[in-house]
Amino acid sequence: MTITRIGKTERLSRVVVHDKIAYFSGLTADDREQDTRGQTSQILAKADGFLEKVGSNRSMILSATIWLVDIADFDQMNLAWVDWMDKDEPPARATVQAVMGLPDIRVEIQFTVALPS
């Protein structure tokens, strides 16, 4: 059994790959002065980078869990999400309101991704 860890820190790995599945940690925006739509766009760009690193793509995303600091921002988050996602192969998805670890985080997204055979 092989487990590959990408972007390890003392607390977590940004991505863990096991058995043709990649598990992304919750991704947040770097520029947290952005609104919810802006933060979501940054997160999705980060996801693209990790998808490339593991040799996968948007059509292979199995699921996404999205946490919003304010569920009233649901439509703003979805503007960025719908522009980004693979429209022919959308993943399973859940979106919930949550208290974030830092006060300037408006959105956090976690992905589970299949890898090509």
C-alpha atoms as a PDB file:
ATOM      1  CA  MET A   1       0.000   0.000   0.000  1.00  0.00           C
ATOM      2  CA  THR A   2       1.374   3.410  -0.995  1.00  0.00           C
ATOM      3  CA  ILE A   3       0.269   6.700   0.497  1.00  0.00           C
ATOM      4  CA  THR A   4       1.651   9.925  -0.981  1.00  0.00           C
ATOM      5  CA  ARG A   5       1.446  13.213   0.902  1.00  0.00           C
ATOM      6  CA  ILE A   6       1.767  16.575  -0.851  1.00  0.00           C
ATOM      7  CA  GLY A   7       2.399  19.874   0.917  1.00  0.00           C
ATOM      8  CA  LYS A   8       3.068  18.451   4.373  1.00  0.00           C
ATOM      9  CA  THR A   9       3.235  20.736   7.386  1.00  0.00           C
ATOM     10  CA  GLU A  10       3.460  19.961  11.080  1.00  0.00           C
ATOM     11  CA  ARG A  11      -0.371  19.886  11.174  1.00  0.00           C
ATOM     12  CA  LEU A  12      -1.555  18.409   7.883  1.00  0.00           C
ATOM     13  CA  SER A  13      -0.934  17.405   4.304  1.00  0.00           C
ATOM     14  CA  ARG A  14      -2.542  19.567   1.614  1.00  0.00           C
ATOM     15  CA  VAL A  15      -3.264  16.429  -0.420  1.00  0.00           C
ATOM     16  CA  VAL A  16      -3.147  12.733   0.479  1.00  0.00           C
ATOM     17  CA  VAL A  17      -3.200  10.198  -2.353  1.00  0.00           C
ATOM     18  CA  HIS A  18      -4.187   6.603  -1.689  1.00  0.00           C
ATOM     19  CA  ASP A  19      -5.560   3.884  -3.943  1.00  0.00           C
ATOM     20  CA  LYS A  20      -6.279   6.156  -6.974  1.00  0.00           C
ATOM     21  CA  ILE A  21      -8.103   8.733  -4.831  1.00  0.00           C
ATOM     22  CA  ALA A  22      -6.754  12.167  -3.824  1.00  0.00           C
ATOM     23  CA  TYR A  23      -8.091  13.804  -0.686  1.00  0.00           C
ATOM     24  CA  PHE A  24      -7.572  17.562  -0.571  1.00  0.00           C
ATOM     25  CA  SER A  25      -7.473  19.369   2.760  1.00  0.00           C
ATOM     26  CA  GLY A  26      -9.818  22.288   3.154  1.00  0.00           C
ATOM     27  CA  LEU A  27      -8.563  25.048   0.848  1.00  0.00           C
ATOM     28  CA  THR A  28      -8.868  28.730   1.701  1.00  0.00           C
ATOM     29  CA  ALA A  29      -8.028  31.942  -0.137  1.00  0.00           C
ATOM     30  CA  ASP A  30      -4.672  33.680   0.227  1.00  0.00           C
ATOM     31  CA  ASP A  31      -6.139  37.186  -0.178  1.00  0.00           C
ATOM     32  CA  ARG A  32      -8.752  37.185   2.534  1.00  0.00           C
ATOM     33  CA  GLU A  33      -9.721  40.790   1.925  1.00  0.00           C
ATOM     34  CA  GLN A  34     -11.756  39.523  -1.041  1.00  0.00           C
ATOM     35  CA  ASP A  35     -15.496  38.945  -0.784  1.00  0.00           C
ATOM     36  CA  THR A  36     -16.989  35.449  -0.892  1.00  0.00           C
ATOM     37  CA  ARG A  37     -16.961  35.248  -4.684  1.00  0.00           C
ATOM     38  CA  GLY A  38     -13.338  36.428  -4.833  1.00  0.00           C
ATOM     39  CA  GLN A  39     -12.224  33.999  -2.138  1.00  0.00           C
ATOM     40  CA  THR A  40     -14.045  31.156  -3.886  1.00  0.00           C
ATOM     41  CA  SER A  41     -12.296  31.964  -7.180  1.00  0.00           C
ATOM     42  CA  GLN A  42      -8.907  31.889  -5.446  1.00  0.00           C
ATOM     43  CA  ILE A  43      -9.696  28.541  -3.830  1.00  0.00           C
ATOM     44  CA  LEU A  44     -10.733  27.043  -7.152  1.00  0.00           C
ATOM     45  CA  ALA A  45      -7.501  28.252  -8.753  1.00  0.00           C
ATOM     46  CA  LYS A  46      -5.591  26.491  -5.948  1.00  0.00           C
ATOM     47  CA  ALA A  47      -7.624  23.367  -6.599  1.00  0.00           C
ATOM     48  CA  ASP A  48      -6.583  23.507 -10.264  1.00  0.00           C
ATOM     49  CA  GLY A  49      -2.942  23.530  -9.151  1.00  0.00           C
ATOM     50  CA  PHE A  50      -3.411  20.478  -6.950  1.00  0.00           C
ATOM     51  CA  LEU A  51      -5.408  18.699  -9.670  1.00  0.00           C
ATOM     52  CA  GLU A  52      -2.471  19.221 -12.006  1.00  0.00           C
ATOM     53  CA  LYS A  53       0.009  17.962  -9.393  1.00  0.00           C
ATOM     54  CA  VAL A  54      -1.898  14.698  -8.961  1.00  0.00           C
ATOM     55  CA  GLY A  55      -2.513  14.271 -12.706  1.00  0.00           C
ATOM     56  CA  SER A  56      -6.271  14.693 -12.551  1.00  0.00           C
ATOM     57  CA  ASN A  57      -8.804  17.282 -13.707  1.00  0.00           C
ATOM     58  CA  ARG A  58     -12.133  18.876 -12.840  1.00  0.00           C
ATOM     59  CA  SER A  59     -14.159  16.109 -14.477  1.00  0.00           C
ATOM     60  CA  MET A  60     -12.698  13.626 -11.978  1.00  0.00           C
ATOM     61  CA  ILE A  61     -13.780  15.467  -8.831  1.00  0.00           C
ATOM     62  CA  LEU A  62     -15.960  13.035  -6.908  1.00  0.00           C
ATOM     63  CA  SER A  63     -17.171  15.331  -4.155  1.00  0.00           C
ATOM     64  CA  ALA A  64     -16.776  18.779  -2.662  1.00  0.00           C
ATOM     65  CA  THR A  65     -17.713  20.070   0.755  1.00  0.00           C
ATOM     66  CA  ILE A  66     -18.060  23.839   0.994  1.00  0.00           C
ATOM     67  CA  TRP A  67     -18.169  25.778   4.240  1.00  0.00           C
ATOM     68  CA  LEU A  68     -19.398  29.371   4.245  1.00  0.00           C
ATOM     69  CA  VAL A  69     -19.086  31.758   7.171  1.00  0.00           C
ATOM     70  CA  ASP A  70     -22.481  33.177   6.117  1.00  0.00           C
ATOM     71  CA  ILE A  71     -24.976  31.037   4.207  1.00  0.00           C
ATOM     72  CA  ALA A  72     -26.409  34.285   2.807  1.00  0.00           C
ATOM     73  CA  ASP A  73     -23.294  34.263   0.553  1.00  0.00           C
ATOM     74  CA  PHE A  74     -24.429  31.012  -1.101  1.00  0.00           C
ATOM     75  CA  ASP A  75     -25.341  32.698  -4.400  1.00  0.00           C
ATOM     76  CA  GLN A  76     -22.043  34.627  -4.551  1.00  0.00           C
ATOM     77  CA  MET A  77     -20.053  31.437  -3.969  1.00  0.00           C
ATOM     78  CA  ASN A  78     -22.100  29.670  -6.658  1.00  0.00           C
ATOM     79  CA  LEU A  79     -21.273  32.351  -9.247  1.00  0.00           C
ATOM     80  CA  ALA A  80     -17.603  31.371  -9.048  1.00  0.00           C
ATOM     81  CA  TRP A  81     -18.344  27.642  -8.639  1.00  0.00           C
ATOM     82  CA  VAL A  82     -20.616  27.322 -11.687  1.00  0.00           C
ATOM     83  CA  ASP A  83     -18.118  29.190 -13.905  1.00  0.00           C
ATOM     84  CA  TRP A  84     -15.348  26.813 -12.771  1.00  0.00           C
ATOM     85  CA  MET A  85     -16.790  23.303 -12.484  1.00  0.00           C
ATOM     86  CA  ASP A  86     -17.012  20.743 -15.269  1.00  0.00           C
ATOM     87  CA  LYS A  87     -20.600  21.143 -16.443  1.00  0.00           C
ATOM     88  CA  ASP A  88     -20.738  17.658 -17.990  1.00  0.00           C
ATOM     89  CA  GLU A  89     -19.337  15.859 -14.924  1.00  0.00           C
ATOM     90  CA  PRO A  90     -20.416  17.757 -11.781  1.00  0.00           C
ATOM     91  CA  PRO A  91     -19.337  16.313  -8.434  1.00  0.00           C
ATOM     92  CA  ALA A  92     -21.491  15.468  -5.445  1.00  0.00           C
ATOM     93  CA  ARG A  93     -21.517  18.553  -3.228  1.00  0.00           C
ATOM     94  CA  ALA A  94     -22.627  19.831   0.157  1.00  0.00           C
ATOM     95  CA  THR A  95     -22.593  23.449   1.342  1.00  0.00           C
ATOM     96  CA  VAL A  96     -23.039  24.468   4.970  1.00  0.00           C
ATOM     97  CA  GLN A  97     -22.599  27.492   7.193  1.00  0.00           C
ATOM     98  CA  ALA A  98     -19.771  27.178   9.706  1.00  0.00           C
ATOM     99  CA  VAL A  99     -17.650  29.084  12.180  1.00  0.00           C
ATOM    100  CA  MET A 100     -14.213  29.385  10.581  1.00  0.00           C
ATOM    101  CA  GLY A 101     -10.830  29.007  12.246  1.00  0.00           C
ATOM    102  CA  LEU A 102      -9.842  32.588  11.360  1.00  0.00           C
ATOM    103  CA  PRO A 103     -12.177  35.598  11.212  1.00  0.00           C
ATOM    104  CA  ASP A 104     -11.285  36.665   7.650  1.00  0.00           C
ATOM    105  CA  ILE A 105     -11.961  33.282   6.028  1.00  0.00           C
ATOM    106  CA  ARG A 106     -15.308  33.461   4.211  1.00  0.00           C
ATOM    107  CA  VAL A 107     -15.098  30.129   2.345  1.00  0.00           C
ATOM    108  CA  GLU A 108     -13.332  26.791   2.699  1.00  0.00           C
ATOM    109  CA  ILE A 109     -13.616  23.932   0.205  1.00  0.00           C
ATOM    110  CA  GLN A 110     -12.488  20.312   0.514  1.00  0.00           C
ATOM    111  CA  PHE A 111     -12.321  17.928  -2.469  1.00  0.00           C
ATOM    112  CA  THR A 112     -12.131  14.189  -3.063  1.00  0.00           C
ATOM    113  CA  VAL A 113     -10.755  13.424  -6.533  1.00  0.00           C
ATOM    114  CA  ALA A 114     -10.381  10.259  -8.615  1.00  0.00           C
ATOM    115  CA  LEU A 115      -7.065   9.699 -10.361  1.00  0.00           C
ATOM    116  CA  PRO A 116      -6.677   8.285 -13.864  1.00  0.00           C
ATOM    117  CA  SER A 117      -5.842   4.594 -14.064  1.00  0.00           C
END
